[in-house]
Amino acid sequence: MKNPAGRFGRRFDANRPSAARRGYGRRWQRIRQRKLKANPLCQHCLADGRGPVPANEVDHIIPSQGIDDPNHWDEDNLQSLCKPCHSRKTLSDMRAGLTR
């Protein structure tokens, strides 16, 4: 097998809209950069006492239902997280039926 990532990696969904159409274009990138600059450490790791861990992702505290959802753009509804914490929260939100 030449490319195990191709076999086990994320599946491509041809029907999924682009990141920009899902609300993650230039406007989102500017908001994301502002949030990471203001809060460069993972909020979950700090709250759990795991110490200062750099954040590299921005999460919707209340999951966004799309670009028409006012929570999507509300910076008070965003938190800086590290990749593992963001993945755990996303999975938890999915299991609770909070995300599409």
PDB file of N, CA and C in Angstrom:
ATOM      1  N   MET A   1       0.852  -1.165   0.000  1.00  0.00           N
ATOM      2  CA  MET A   1       0.000   0.000   0.000  1.00  0.00           C
ATOM      3  C   MET A   1       0.899   1.230   0.000  1.00  0.00           C
ATOM      4  N   LYS A   2       0.760   2.081  -0.997  1.00  0.00           N
ATOM      5  CA  LYS A   2       1.612   3.258  -1.133  1.00  0.00           C
ATOM      6  C   LYS A   2       1.152   4.428  -0.280  1.00  0.00           C
ATOM      7  N   ASN A   3      -0.142   4.598  -0.101  1.00  0.00           N
ATOM      8  CA  ASN A   3      -0.643   5.777   0.594  1.00  0.00           C
ATOM      9  C   ASN A   3      -1.691   5.389   1.636  1.00  0.00           C
ATOM     10  N   PRO A   4      -1.242   5.010   2.855  1.00  0.00           N
ATOM     11  CA  PRO A   4      -2.227   4.619   3.861  1.00  0.00           C
ATOM     12  C   PRO A   4      -3.149   5.764   4.255  1.00  0.00           C
ATOM     13  N   ALA A   5      -2.661   6.992   4.183  1.00  0.00           N
ATOM     14  CA  ALA A   5      -3.527   8.131   4.527  1.00  0.00           C
ATOM     15  C   ALA A   5      -4.702   8.207   3.561  1.00  0.00           C
ATOM     16  N   GLY A   6      -4.461   7.870   2.296  1.00  0.00           N
ATOM     17  CA  GLY A   6      -5.536   7.873   1.316  1.00  0.00           C
ATOM     18  C   GLY A   6      -6.588   6.828   1.628  1.00  0.00           C
ATOM     19  N   ARG A   7      -6.142   5.727   2.189  1.00  0.00           N
ATOM     20  CA  ARG A   7      -7.076   4.653   2.515  1.00  0.00           C
ATOM     21  C   ARG A   7      -7.848   4.943   3.802  1.00  0.00           C
ATOM     22  N   PHE A   8      -7.154   5.495   4.786  1.00  0.00           N
ATOM     23  CA  PHE A   8      -7.779   5.691   6.094  1.00  0.00           C
ATOM     24  C   PHE A   8      -8.072   7.145   6.418  1.00  0.00           C
ATOM     25  N   GLY A   9      -7.669   8.043   5.540  1.00  0.00           N
ATOM     26  CA  GLY A   9      -7.853   9.467   5.799  1.00  0.00           C
ATOM     27  C   GLY A   9      -9.302   9.899   5.666  1.00  0.00           C
ATOM     28  N   ARG A  10      -9.507  11.164   5.867  1.00  0.00           N
ATOM     29  CA  ARG A  10     -10.848  11.755   5.790  1.00  0.00           C
ATOM     30  C   ARG A  10     -11.432  11.545   4.395  1.00  0.00           C
ATOM     31  N   ARG A  11     -12.695  11.207   4.349  1.00  0.00           N
ATOM     32  CA  ARG A  11     -13.367  11.002   3.063  1.00  0.00           C
ATOM     33  C   ARG A  11     -13.734  12.346   2.447  1.00  0.00           C
ATOM     34  N   PHE A  12     -13.639  12.422   1.153  1.00  0.00           N
ATOM     35  CA  PHE A  12     -14.014  13.625   0.421  1.00  0.00           C
ATOM     36  C   PHE A  12     -15.498  13.556   0.122  1.00  0.00           C
ATOM     37  N   ASP A  13     -16.210  14.617   0.436  1.00  0.00           N
ATOM     38  CA  ASP A  13     -17.645  14.685   0.168  1.00  0.00           C
ATOM     39  C   ASP A  13     -17.875  15.717  -0.927  1.00  0.00           C
ATOM     40  N   ALA A  14     -18.139  15.250  -2.129  1.00  0.00           N
ATOM     41  CA  ALA A  14     -18.321  16.146  -3.272  1.00  0.00           C
ATOM     42  C   ALA A  14     -19.536  17.054  -3.099  1.00  0.00           C
ATOM     43  N   ASN A  15     -20.477  16.667  -2.251  1.00  0.00           N
ATOM     44  CA  ASN A  15     -21.683  17.469  -2.044  1.00  0.00           C
ATOM     45  C   ASN A  15     -21.520  18.525  -0.956  1.00  0.00           C
ATOM     46  N   ARG A  16     -20.411  18.485  -0.224  1.00  0.00           N
ATOM     47  CA  ARG A  16     -20.203  19.437   0.863  1.00  0.00           C
ATOM     48  C   ARG A  16     -19.807  20.793   0.280  1.00  0.00           C
ATOM     49  N   PRO A  17     -20.472  21.865   0.732  1.00  0.00           N
ATOM     50  CA  PRO A  17     -20.110  23.200   0.235  1.00  0.00           C
ATOM     51  C   PRO A  17     -18.681  23.570   0.633  1.00  0.00           C
ATOM     52  N   SER A  18     -18.117  24.521  -0.067  1.00  0.00           N
ATOM     53  CA  SER A  18     -16.760  24.977   0.242  1.00  0.00           C
ATOM     54  C   SER A  18     -16.730  25.607   1.629  1.00  0.00           C
ATOM     55  N   ALA A  19     -15.537  25.757   2.176  1.00  0.00           N
ATOM     56  CA  ALA A  19     -15.380  26.387   3.488  1.00  0.00           C
ATOM     57  C   ALA A  19     -15.983  27.791   3.479  1.00  0.00           C
ATOM     58  N   ALA A  20     -15.754  28.535   2.417  1.00  0.00           N
ATOM     59  CA  ALA A  20     -16.286  29.901   2.330  1.00  0.00           C
ATOM     60  C   ALA A  20     -17.815  29.894   2.348  1.00  0.00           C
ATOM     61  N   ARG A  21     -18.425  28.962   1.634  1.00  0.00           N
ATOM     62  CA  ARG A  21     -19.895  28.886   1.607  1.00  0.00           C
ATOM     63  C   ARG A  21     -20.470  28.439   2.951  1.00  0.00           C
ATOM     64  N   ARG A  22     -19.646  27.741   3.754  1.00  0.00           N
ATOM     65  CA  ARG A  22     -20.089  27.313   5.083  1.00  0.00           C
ATOM     66  C   ARG A  22     -19.806  28.377   6.137  1.00  0.00           C
ATOM     67  N   GLY A  23     -19.256  29.528   5.711  1.00  0.00           N
ATOM     68  CA  GLY A  23     -19.035  30.627   6.642  1.00  0.00           C
ATOM     69  C   GLY A  23     -17.629  30.719   7.183  1.00  0.00           C
ATOM     70  N   TYR A  24     -16.676  30.101   6.502  1.00  0.00           N
ATOM     71  CA  TYR A  24     -15.299  30.113   6.979  1.00  0.00           C
ATOM     72  C   TYR A  24     -14.350  30.729   5.953  1.00  0.00           C
ATOM     73  N   GLY A  25     -14.793  31.817   5.352  1.00  0.00           N
ATOM     74  CA  GLY A  25     -13.992  32.545   4.371  1.00  0.00           C
ATOM     75  C   GLY A  25     -13.163  33.637   5.033  1.00  0.00           C
ATOM     76  N   ARG A  26     -12.940  34.724   4.309  1.00  0.00           N
ATOM     77  CA  ARG A  26     -12.084  35.820   4.795  1.00  0.00           C
ATOM     78  C   ARG A  26     -12.593  36.441   6.089  1.00  0.00           C
ATOM     79  N   ARG A  27     -13.899  36.680   6.146  1.00  0.00           N
ATOM     80  CA  ARG A  27     -14.454  37.297   7.361  1.00  0.00           C
ATOM     81  C   ARG A  27     -14.159  36.422   8.580  1.00  0.00           C
ATOM     82  N   TRP A  28     -14.402  35.116   8.434  1.00  0.00           N
ATOM     83  CA  TRP A  28     -14.127  34.192   9.534  1.00  0.00           C
ATOM     84  C   TRP A  28     -12.640  34.184   9.873  1.00  0.00           C
ATOM     85  N   GLN A  29     -11.779  34.180   8.879  1.00  0.00           N
ATOM     86  CA  GLN A  29     -10.333  34.143   9.137  1.00  0.00           C
ATOM     87  C   GLN A  29      -9.888  35.362   9.944  1.00  0.00           C
ATOM     88  N   ARG A  30     -10.468  36.523   9.662  1.00  0.00           N
ATOM     89  CA  ARG A  30     -10.125  37.730  10.435  1.00  0.00           C
ATOM     90  C   ARG A  30     -10.588  37.596  11.885  1.00  0.00           C
ATOM     91  N   ILE A  31     -11.810  37.110  12.074  1.00  0.00           N
ATOM     92  CA  ILE A  31     -12.335  36.914  13.430  1.00  0.00           C
ATOM     93  C   ILE A  31     -11.484  35.879  14.162  1.00  0.00           C
ATOM     94  N   ARG A  32     -11.148  34.807  13.485  1.00  0.00           N
ATOM     95  CA  ARG A  32     -10.336  33.731  14.067  1.00  0.00           C
ATOM     96  C   ARG A  32      -8.984  34.259  14.537  1.00  0.00           C
ATOM     97  N   GLN A  33      -8.331  35.030  13.677  1.00  0.00           N
ATOM     98  CA  GLN A  33      -7.021  35.585  14.041  1.00  0.00           C
ATOM     99  C   GLN A  33      -7.127  36.511  15.249  1.00  0.00           C
ATOM    100  N   ARG A  34      -8.177  37.332  15.290  1.00  0.00           N
ATOM    101  CA  ARG A  34      -8.384  38.220  16.443  1.00  0.00           C
ATOM    102  C   ARG A  34      -8.544  37.420  17.729  1.00  0.00           C
ATOM    103  N   LYS A  35      -9.338  36.360  17.658  1.00  0.00           N
ATOM    104  CA  LYS A  35      -9.599  35.541  18.847  1.00  0.00           C
ATOM    105  C   LYS A  35      -8.326  34.854  19.325  1.00  0.00           C
ATOM    106  N   LEU A  36      -7.556  34.291  18.401  1.00  0.00           N
ATOM    107  CA  LEU A  36      -6.323  33.611  18.789  1.00  0.00           C
ATOM    108  C   LEU A  36      -5.284  34.594  19.329  1.00  0.00           C
ATOM    109  N   LYS A  37      -5.289  35.807  18.810  1.00  0.00           N
ATOM    110  CA  LYS A  37      -4.359  36.821  19.318  1.00  0.00           C
ATOM    111  C   LYS A  37      -4.761  37.250  20.728  1.00  0.00           C
ATOM    112  N   ALA A  38      -6.060  37.417  20.958  1.00  0.00           N
ATOM    113  CA  ALA A  38      -6.554  37.836  22.274  1.00  0.00           C
ATOM    114  C   ALA A  38      -6.449  36.708  23.302  1.00  0.00           C
ATOM    115  N   ASN A  39      -6.652  35.469  22.861  1.00  0.00           N
ATOM    116  CA  ASN A  39      -6.620  34.296  23.739  1.00  0.00           C
ATOM    117  C   ASN A  39      -5.750  33.219  23.098  1.00  0.00           C
ATOM    118  N   PRO A  40      -4.432  33.315  23.245  1.00  0.00           N
ATOM    119  CA  PRO A  40      -3.540  32.379  22.562  1.00  0.00           C
ATOM    120  C   PRO A  40      -3.434  31.000  23.212  1.00  0.00           C
ATOM    121  N   LEU A  41      -4.060  30.820  24.374  1.00  0.00           N
ATOM    122  CA  LEU A  41      -3.968  29.535  25.074  1.00  0.00           C
ATOM    123  C   LEU A  41      -5.313  28.815  25.060  1.00  0.00           C
ATOM    124  N   CYS A  42      -5.246  27.487  25.072  1.00  0.00           N
ATOM    125  CA  CYS A  42      -6.456  26.662  25.057  1.00  0.00           C
ATOM    126  C   CYS A  42      -7.265  26.908  26.326  1.00  0.00           C
ATOM    127  N   GLN A  43      -8.492  27.349  26.139  1.00  0.00           N
ATOM    128  CA  GLN A  43      -9.364  27.670  27.261  1.00  0.00           C
ATOM    129  C   GLN A  43      -9.756  26.425  28.057  1.00  0.00           C
ATOM    130  N   HIS A  44      -9.938  25.285  27.396  1.00  0.00           N
ATOM    131  CA  HIS A  44     -10.294  24.055  28.106  1.00  0.00           C
ATOM    132  C   HIS A  44      -9.126  23.555  28.941  1.00  0.00           C
ATOM    133  N   CYS A  45      -7.924  23.573  28.385  1.00  0.00           N
ATOM    134  CA  CYS A  45      -6.747  23.115  29.136  1.00  0.00           C
ATOM    135  C   CYS A  45      -6.524  23.984  30.370  1.00  0.00           C
ATOM    136  N   LEU A  46      -6.685  25.289  30.225  1.00  0.00           N
ATOM    137  CA  LEU A  46      -6.528  26.188  31.371  1.00  0.00           C
ATOM    138  C   LEU A  46      -7.582  25.893  32.435  1.00  0.00           C
ATOM    139  N   ALA A  47      -8.827  25.718  32.013  1.00  0.00           N
ATOM    140  CA  ALA A  47      -9.917  25.464  32.958  1.00  0.00           C
ATOM    141  C   ALA A  47      -9.746  24.125  33.673  1.00  0.00           C
ATOM    142  N   ASP A  48      -9.157  23.148  32.983  1.00  0.00           N
ATOM    143  CA  ASP A  48      -8.965  21.816  33.559  1.00  0.00           C
ATOM    144  C   ASP A  48      -7.652  21.688  34.324  1.00  0.00           C
ATOM    145  N   GLY A  49      -6.876  22.777  34.401  1.00  0.00           N
ATOM    146  CA  GLY A  49      -5.614  22.755  35.130  1.00  0.00           C
ATOM    147  C   GLY A  49      -4.493  22.019  34.430  1.00  0.00           C
ATOM    148  N   ARG A  50      -4.588  21.869  33.119  1.00  0.00           N
ATOM    149  CA  ARG A  50      -3.534  21.178  32.367  1.00  0.00           C
ATOM    150  C   ARG A  50      -2.404  22.121  31.977  1.00  0.00           C
ATOM    151  N   GLY A  51      -2.484  23.344  32.423  1.00  0.00           N
ATOM    152  CA  GLY A  51      -1.406  24.282  32.143  1.00  0.00           C
ATOM    153  C   GLY A  51      -1.592  25.009  30.838  1.00  0.00           C
ATOM    154  N   PRO A  52      -0.642  25.879  30.542  1.00  0.00           N
ATOM    155  CA  PRO A  52      -0.744  26.667  29.308  1.00  0.00           C
ATOM    156  C   PRO A  52      -0.408  25.835  28.071  1.00  0.00           C
ATOM    157  N   VAL A  53      -1.418  25.595  27.260  1.00  0.00           N
ATOM    158  CA  VAL A  53      -1.253  24.871  25.995  1.00  0.00           C
ATOM    159  C   VAL A  53      -1.650  25.829  24.879  1.00  0.00           C
ATOM    160  N   PRO A  54      -0.793  26.016  23.880  1.00  0.00           N
ATOM    161  CA  PRO A  54      -1.137  26.938  22.786  1.00  0.00           C
ATOM    162  C   PRO A  54      -2.422  26.513  22.071  1.00  0.00           C
ATOM    163  N   ALA A  55      -3.259  27.486  21.801  1.00  0.00           N
ATOM    164  CA  ALA A  55      -4.487  27.247  21.031  1.00  0.00           C
ATOM    165  C   ALA A  55      -4.173  27.444  19.557  1.00  0.00           C
ATOM    166  N   ASN A  56      -4.755  26.611  18.721  1.00  0.00           N
ATOM    167  CA  ASN A  56      -4.577  26.766  17.278  1.00  0.00           C
ATOM    168  C   ASN A  56      -5.901  26.651  16.529  1.00  0.00           C
ATOM    169  N   GLU A  57      -7.003  26.546  17.274  1.00  0.00           N
ATOM    170  CA  GLU A  57      -8.319  26.464  16.655  1.00  0.00           C
ATOM    171  C   GLU A  57      -9.284  27.368  17.412  1.00  0.00           C
ATOM    172  N   VAL A  58     -10.323  27.817  16.720  1.00  0.00           N
ATOM    173  CA  VAL A  58     -11.361  28.639  17.344  1.00  0.00           C
ATOM    174  C   VAL A  58     -12.675  27.883  17.213  1.00  0.00           C
ATOM    175  N   ASP A  59     -13.367  27.763  18.334  1.00  0.00           N
ATOM    176  CA  ASP A  59     -14.574  26.947  18.430  1.00  0.00           C
ATOM    177  C   ASP A  59     -15.782  27.806  18.763  1.00  0.00           C
ATOM    178  N   HIS A  60     -16.923  27.436  18.195  1.00  0.00           N
ATOM    179  CA  HIS A  60     -18.195  28.051  18.580  1.00  0.00           C
ATOM    180  C   HIS A  60     -18.657  27.370  19.865  1.00  0.00           C
ATOM    181  N   ILE A  61     -18.786  28.126  20.951  1.00  0.00           N
ATOM    182  CA  ILE A  61     -19.229  27.569  22.228  1.00  0.00           C
ATOM    183  C   ILE A  61     -20.614  26.960  22.047  1.00  0.00           C
ATOM    184  N   ILE A  62     -21.538  27.738  21.529  1.00  0.00           N
ATOM    185  CA  ILE A  62     -22.838  27.218  21.093  1.00  0.00           C
ATOM    186  C   ILE A  62     -22.672  26.953  19.605  1.00  0.00           C
ATOM    187  N   PRO A  63     -22.766  25.690  19.171  1.00  0.00           N
ATOM    188  CA  PRO A  63     -22.489  25.367  17.774  1.00  0.00           C
ATOM    189  C   PRO A  63     -23.286  26.225  16.790  1.00  0.00           C
ATOM    190  N   SER A  64     -22.607  26.645  15.750  1.00  0.00           N
ATOM    191  CA  SER A  64     -23.217  27.455  14.702  1.00  0.00           C
ATOM    192  C   SER A  64     -24.095  26.588  13.813  1.00  0.00           C
ATOM    193  N   GLN A  65     -25.219  27.150  13.419  1.00  0.00           N
ATOM    194  CA  GLN A  65     -26.109  26.465  12.486  1.00  0.00           C
ATOM    195  C   GLN A  65     -25.959  27.028  11.071  1.00  0.00           C
ATOM    196  N   GLY A  66     -24.878  27.747  10.833  1.00  0.00           N
ATOM    197  CA  GLY A  66     -24.619  28.302   9.513  1.00  0.00           C
ATOM    198  C   GLY A  66     -24.422  29.801   9.565  1.00  0.00           C
ATOM    199  N   ILE A  67     -24.128  30.379   8.415  1.00  0.00           N
ATOM    200  CA  ILE A  67     -23.782  31.799   8.377  1.00  0.00           C
ATOM    201  C   ILE A  67     -24.952  32.715   8.702  1.00  0.00           C
ATOM    202  N   ASP A  68     -26.171  32.219   8.632  1.00  0.00           N
ATOM    203  CA  ASP A  68     -27.331  33.039   8.992  1.00  0.00           C
ATOM    204  C   ASP A  68     -27.605  33.023  10.496  1.00  0.00           C
ATOM    205  N   ASP A  69     -26.924  32.156  11.216  1.00  0.00           N
ATOM    206  CA  ASP A  69     -27.062  32.066  12.672  1.00  0.00           C
ATOM    207  C   ASP A  69     -26.252  33.199  13.304  1.00  0.00           C
ATOM    208  N   PRO A  70     -26.890  34.089  14.074  1.00  0.00           N
ATOM    209  CA  PRO A  70     -26.152  35.198  14.696  1.00  0.00           C
ATOM    210  C   PRO A  70     -24.987  34.721  15.563  1.00  0.00           C
ATOM    211  N   ASN A  71     -25.102  33.525  16.147  1.00  0.00           N
ATOM    212  CA  ASN A  71     -24.009  32.987  16.965  1.00  0.00           C
ATOM    213  C   ASN A  71     -22.753  32.694  16.158  1.00  0.00           C
ATOM    214  N   HIS A  72     -22.908  32.519  14.855  1.00  0.00           N
ATOM    215  CA  HIS A  72     -21.752  32.198  14.015  1.00  0.00           C
ATOM    216  C   HIS A  72     -20.715  33.317  14.055  1.00  0.00           C
ATOM    217  N   TRP A  73     -21.163  34.562  14.080  1.00  0.00           N
ATOM    218  CA  TRP A  73     -20.263  35.718  14.011  1.00  0.00           C
ATOM    219  C   TRP A  73     -20.023  36.378  15.369  1.00  0.00           C
ATOM    220  N   ASP A  74     -20.709  35.935  16.405  1.00  0.00           N
ATOM    221  CA  ASP A  74     -20.604  36.535  17.735  1.00  0.00           C
ATOM    222  C   ASP A  74     -19.288  36.118  18.396  1.00  0.00           C
ATOM    223  N   GLU A  75     -18.383  37.074  18.560  1.00  0.00           N
ATOM    224  CA  GLU A  75     -17.071  36.750  19.123  1.00  0.00           C
ATOM    225  C   GLU A  75     -17.159  36.314  20.580  1.00  0.00           C
ATOM    226  N   ASP A  76     -18.237  36.669  21.274  1.00  0.00           N
ATOM    227  CA  ASP A  76     -18.427  36.194  22.648  1.00  0.00           C
ATOM    228  C   ASP A  76     -18.829  34.718  22.673  1.00  0.00           C
ATOM    229  N   ASN A  77     -19.197  34.178  21.529  1.00  0.00           N
ATOM    230  CA  ASN A  77     -19.563  32.772  21.407  1.00  0.00           C
ATOM    231  C   ASN A  77     -18.386  31.933  20.899  1.00  0.00           C
ATOM    232  N   LEU A  78     -17.202  32.492  20.917  1.00  0.00           N
ATOM    233  CA  LEU A  78     -16.021  31.790  20.420  1.00  0.00           C
ATOM    234  C   LEU A  78     -15.030  31.556  21.543  1.00  0.00           C
ATOM    235  N   GLN A  79     -14.300  30.449  21.438  1.00  0.00           N
ATOM    236  CA  GLN A  79     -13.237  30.167  22.391  1.00  0.00           C
ATOM    237  C   GLN A  79     -12.043  29.587  21.651  1.00  0.00           C
ATOM    238  N   SER A  80     -10.865  29.875  22.163  1.00  0.00           N
ATOM    239  CA  SER A  80      -9.625  29.355  21.602  1.00  0.00           C
ATOM    240  C   SER A  80      -9.357  27.988  22.216  1.00  0.00           C
ATOM    241  N   LEU A  81      -9.088  27.000  21.357  1.00  0.00           N
ATOM    242  CA  LEU A  81      -8.821  25.642  21.824  1.00  0.00           C
ATOM    243  C   LEU A  81      -7.628  25.046  21.095  1.00  0.00           C
ATOM    244  N   CYS A  82      -6.996  24.053  21.722  1.00  0.00           N
ATOM    245  CA  CYS A  82      -5.983  23.265  21.028  1.00  0.00           C
ATOM    246  C   CYS A  82      -6.728  22.222  20.173  1.00  0.00           C
ATOM    247  N   LYS A  83      -6.039  21.606  19.251  1.00  0.00           N
ATOM    248  CA  LYS A  83      -6.660  20.632  18.346  1.00  0.00           C
ATOM    249  C   LYS A  83      -7.331  19.479  19.101  1.00  0.00           C
ATOM    250  N   PRO A  84      -6.652  18.845  20.089  1.00  0.00           N
ATOM    251  CA  PRO A  84      -7.317  17.736  20.793  1.00  0.00           C
ATOM    252  C   PRO A  84      -8.600  18.163  21.516  1.00  0.00           C
ATOM    253  N   CYS A  85      -8.573  19.317  22.178  1.00  0.00           N
ATOM    254  CA  CYS A  85      -9.780  19.781  22.881  1.00  0.00           C
ATOM    255  C   CYS A  85     -10.893  20.114  21.893  1.00  0.00           C
ATOM    256  N   HIS A  86     -10.535  20.726  20.760  1.00  0.00           N
ATOM    257  CA  HIS A  86     -11.548  21.060  19.758  1.00  0.00           C
ATOM    258  C   HIS A  86     -12.176  19.791  19.182  1.00  0.00           C
ATOM    259  N   SER A  87     -11.355  18.788  18.926  1.00  0.00           N
ATOM    260  CA  SER A  87     -11.880  17.521  18.401  1.00  0.00           C
ATOM    261  C   SER A  87     -12.821  16.866  19.401  1.00  0.00           C
ATOM    262  N   ARG A  88     -12.438  16.858  20.688  1.00  0.00           N
ATOM    263  CA  ARG A  88     -13.304  16.271  21.719  1.00  0.00           C
ATOM    264  C   ARG A  88     -14.628  17.020  21.814  1.00  0.00           C
ATOM    265  N   LYS A  89     -14.568  18.348  21.790  1.00  0.00           N
ATOM    266  CA  LYS A  89     -15.798  19.139  21.907  1.00  0.00           C
ATOM    267  C   LYS A  89     -16.692  18.929  20.687  1.00  0.00           C
ATOM    268  N   THR A  90     -16.102  18.910  19.512  1.00  0.00           N
ATOM    269  CA  THR A  90     -16.880  18.692  18.289  1.00  0.00           C
ATOM    270  C   THR A  90     -17.574  17.335  18.332  1.00  0.00           C
ATOM    271  N   LEU A  91     -16.859  16.301  18.754  1.00  0.00           N
ATOM    272  CA  LEU A  91     -17.448  14.966  18.857  1.00  0.00           C
ATOM    273  C   LEU A  91     -18.585  14.957  19.877  1.00  0.00           C
ATOM    274  N   SER A  92     -18.370  15.608  21.002  1.00  0.00           N
ATOM    275  CA  SER A  92     -19.414  15.702  22.030  1.00  0.00           C
ATOM    276  C   SER A  92     -20.651  16.422  21.487  1.00  0.00           C
ATOM    277  N   ASP A  93     -20.433  17.526  20.768  1.00  0.00           N
ATOM    278  CA  ASP A  93     -21.549  18.268  20.165  1.00  0.00           C
ATOM    279  C   ASP A  93     -22.295  17.406  19.151  1.00  0.00           C
ATOM    280  N   MET A  94     -21.544  16.640  18.360  1.00  0.00           N
ATOM    281  CA  MET A  94     -22.171  15.777  17.357  1.00  0.00           C
ATOM    282  C   MET A  94     -23.016  14.698  18.029  1.00  0.00           C
ATOM    283  N   ARG A  95     -22.475  14.096  19.073  1.00  0.00           N
ATOM    284  CA  ARG A  95     -23.213  13.035  19.779  1.00  0.00           C
ATOM    285  C   ARG A  95     -24.476  13.577  20.431  1.00  0.00           C
ATOM    286  N   ALA A  96     -24.433  14.839  20.848  1.00  0.00           N
ATOM    287  CA  ALA A  96     -25.597  15.471  21.474  1.00  0.00           C
ATOM    288  C   ALA A  96     -26.585  16.009  20.440  1.00  0.00           C
ATOM    289  N   GLY A  97     -26.245  15.877  19.152  1.00  0.00           N
ATOM    290  CA  GLY A  97     -27.123  16.351  18.085  1.00  0.00           C
ATOM    291  C   GLY A  97     -27.139  17.859  17.932  1.00  0.00           C
ATOM    292  N   LEU A  98     -26.062  18.519  18.384  1.00  0.00           N
ATOM    293  CA  LEU A  98     -26.008  19.977  18.331  1.00  0.00           C
ATOM    294  C   LEU A  98     -25.427  20.517  17.033  1.00  0.00           C
ATOM    295  N   THR A  99     -24.797  19.653  16.251  1.00  0.00           N
ATOM    296  CA  THR A  99     -24.208  20.103  14.990  1.00  0.00           C
ATOM    297  C   THR A  99     -24.869  19.379  13.836  1.00  0.00           C
ATOM    298  N   ARG A 100     -24.716  20.008  12.651  1.00  0.00           N
ATOM    299  CA  ARG A 100     -25.305  19.414  11.457  1.00  0.00           C
ATOM    300  C   ARG A 100     -24.401  18.351  10.912  1.00  0.00           C
TER     301      ARG A 100
END
